[in-house]
Amino acid sequence: TKTELDFPGAPSNTDTSIDGQVGYGRYLTDNHEIGGQALFNLIMPDSGSDSGTLSLLPYYRYNFRSSDRTWFYAGVHAGLQQFENGGQSDNGLSYGLHGGMKSWLTPQVSFFVEPRLTFSELDFGAVDIELTEFRTLLGFTYSF
């Protein structure tokens, strides 16, 4: 993904990052789903210190089942985020919106594409940081 940092002292360029996600969800009905996710993000600028985030985000999704094999969904997420940069770290609140599509390859395995917009607020001493992150996640799910 590409991440643009916008706070005092941040590099002025757009940096490459690596994202990962693991989660667990439960369908309350055919349409309503709740769950939680752990996401990490490592930002590697061309110059300066690497930085990273770890987010623990409960979520709610509404699923639109257009067919047995293709589902679309939209939801909200909110939780805690830890941000680390140059030996300093802080915890803050994260919240946002996400949506996506699941394509079921088998009755238990699906491929997903998920655009996600997340807002975070952190405080490093005298510096307040407001992060806006747009990520597009790709991956596989396994249903038990």
Protein backbone atom coordinates (compact mmCIF):
# COMPACT_ATOMS: atom_id res chain seq x y z
CA THR A 1 0.00 0.00 0.00
CA LYS A 2 0.95 3.64 -0.16
CA THR A 3 0.75 5.71 3.03
CA GLU A 4 1.00 9.48 3.15
CA LEU A 5 2.03 10.81 6.55
CA ASP A 6 0.80 14.29 7.47
CA PHE A 7 2.21 15.52 10.79
CA PRO A 8 5.15 17.70 11.87
CA GLY A 9 8.42 15.97 11.12
CA ALA A 10 6.88 13.41 8.78
CA PRO A 11 8.61 12.73 5.47
CA SER A 12 7.09 14.76 2.66
CA ASN A 13 6.95 11.83 0.25
CA THR A 14 4.61 8.86 0.00
CA ASP A 15 6.17 5.76 1.51
CA THR A 16 5.79 2.05 0.87
CA SER A 17 4.24 -0.04 3.61
CA ILE A 18 3.44 -3.65 4.41
CA ASP A 19 0.06 -4.56 5.90
CA GLY A 20 -1.23 -7.71 7.51
CA GLN A 21 -4.52 -8.75 9.05
CA VAL A 22 -5.93 -11.64 11.07
CA GLY A 23 -9.49 -11.75 12.30
CA TYR A 24 -12.42 -13.74 13.57
CA GLY A 25 -16.04 -13.14 12.66
CA ARG A 26 -19.39 -14.65 13.48
CA TYR A 27 -22.59 -14.45 11.45
CA LEU A 28 -25.53 -13.57 13.69
CA THR A 29 -27.88 -13.97 10.71
CA ASP A 30 -27.33 -14.35 6.96
CA ASN A 31 -26.76 -10.60 6.76
CA HIS A 32 -25.35 -9.46 10.13
CA GLU A 33 -21.76 -10.22 11.11
CA ILE A 34 -19.66 -9.17 14.11
CA GLY A 35 -16.02 -9.88 14.81
CA GLY A 36 -12.61 -8.53 15.57
CA GLN A 37 -9.39 -7.94 13.68
CA ALA A 38 -5.75 -7.39 14.48
CA LEU A 39 -4.00 -5.35 11.79
CA PHE A 40 -0.37 -4.33 11.52
CA ASN A 41 1.26 -1.78 9.27
CA LEU A 42 5.00 -1.23 8.78
CA ILE A 43 5.98 2.00 7.00
CA MET A 44 9.44 2.12 5.44
CA PRO A 45 10.36 5.62 4.27
CA ASP A 46 13.23 6.33 1.92
CA SER A 47 14.70 8.49 4.68
CA GLY A 48 14.08 8.63 8.41
CA SER A 49 12.91 6.02 10.86
CA ASP A 50 10.59 3.14 10.11
CA SER A 51 7.26 3.34 11.87
CA GLY A 52 4.56 0.84 12.59
CA THR A 53 1.05 0.46 13.88
CA LEU A 54 -0.84 -2.37 15.53
CA SER A 55 -4.63 -2.07 15.67
CA LEU A 56 -7.18 -4.18 17.55
CA LEU A 57 -10.53 -3.42 15.96
CA PRO A 58 -13.93 -4.96 16.67
CA TYR A 59 -16.25 -4.63 13.66
CA TYR A 60 -19.82 -4.90 12.43
CA ARG A 61 -20.71 -5.78 8.82
CA TYR A 62 -23.86 -6.00 6.81
CA ASN A 63 -23.57 -8.65 4.07
CA PHE A 64 -25.39 -8.50 0.74
CA ARG A 65 -25.47 -12.00 -0.75
CA SER A 66 -25.86 -11.44 -4.48
CA SER A 67 -25.39 -15.18 -5.11
CA ASP A 68 -24.24 -18.25 -3.20
CA ARG A 69 -20.65 -17.56 -4.28
CA THR A 70 -20.44 -13.74 -4.28
CA TRP A 71 -21.11 -11.55 -1.24
CA PHE A 72 -20.68 -7.81 -0.86
CA TYR A 73 -20.39 -6.18 2.55
CA ALA A 74 -20.13 -2.80 4.28
CA GLY A 75 -19.32 -2.09 7.88
CA VAL A 76 -17.76 -0.02 10.62
CA HIS A 77 -14.76 -0.69 12.83
CA ALA A 78 -13.44 1.00 15.99
CA GLY A 79 -10.81 0.13 18.54
CA LEU A 80 -7.31 0.79 19.82
CA GLN A 81 -4.14 1.47 17.88
CA GLN A 82 -0.52 1.50 18.97
CA PHE A 83 1.84 3.66 16.90
CA GLU A 84 5.63 3.47 17.10
CA ASN A 85 8.11 5.75 15.38
CA GLY A 86 11.80 6.28 16.07
CA GLY A 87 11.73 4.66 19.52
CA GLN A 88 8.63 6.57 20.68
CA SER A 89 5.21 4.99 20.98
CA ASP A 90 1.67 5.98 21.85
CA ASN A 91 -1.78 4.43 21.99
CA GLY A 92 -4.90 6.00 20.56
CA LEU A 93 -8.38 5.52 19.22
CA SER A 94 -9.04 4.28 15.67
CA TYR A 95 -12.35 4.19 13.84
CA GLY A 96 -13.52 3.93 10.27
CA LEU A 97 -15.49 2.36 7.46
CA HIS A 98 -14.83 -0.64 5.26
CA GLY A 99 -16.53 -2.56 2.49
CA GLY A 100 -15.68 -5.30 0.14
CA MET A 101 -16.46 -8.46 -1.73
CA LYS A 102 -16.02 -12.14 -0.93
CA SER A 103 -15.88 -14.70 -3.70
CA TRP A 104 -16.35 -18.22 -2.35
CA LEU A 105 -13.96 -20.67 -4.00
CA THR A 106 -15.28 -23.61 -1.94
CA PRO A 107 -17.97 -23.77 0.77
CA GLN A 108 -15.25 -22.94 3.33
CA VAL A 109 -12.68 -20.78 1.49
CA SER A 110 -13.20 -17.34 -0.01
CA PHE A 111 -11.04 -14.66 -1.60
CA PHE A 112 -11.76 -11.07 -0.47
CA VAL A 113 -11.01 -7.52 -1.57
CA GLU A 114 -11.58 -4.86 1.10
CA PRO A 115 -11.08 -1.10 0.77
CA ARG A 116 -10.86 0.41 4.25
CA LEU A 117 -10.70 3.98 5.56
CA THR A 118 -9.42 4.44 9.13
CA PHE A 119 -8.95 7.58 11.23
CA SER A 120 -6.63 7.60 14.27
CA GLU A 121 -5.77 10.18 16.89
CA LEU A 122 -2.45 9.98 18.78
CA ASP A 123 -0.48 12.30 21.07
CA PHE A 124 3.34 12.35 21.19
CA GLY A 125 3.96 14.83 24.00
CA ALA A 126 3.46 18.26 22.43
CA VAL A 127 2.65 16.84 18.98
CA ASP A 128 -0.90 15.72 18.18
CA ILE A 129 -1.11 13.31 15.26
CA GLU A 130 -4.22 12.61 13.24
CA LEU A 131 -3.71 9.74 10.82
CA THR A 132 -6.00 9.05 7.88
CA GLU A 133 -5.26 5.70 6.28
CA PHE A 134 -6.79 4.23 3.16
CA ARG A 135 -5.88 0.59 2.60
CA THR A 136 -7.01 -2.02 0.13
CA LEU A 137 -6.67 -5.45 1.67
CA LEU A 138 -6.59 -8.68 -0.36
CA GLY A 139 -6.68 -12.12 1.14
CA PHE A 140 -8.38 -15.40 1.89
CA THR A 141 -10.88 -16.40 4.56
CA TYR A 142 -11.53 -19.83 5.99
CA SER A 143 -14.89 -20.67 7.59
CA PHE A 144 -15.11 -23.36 10.25
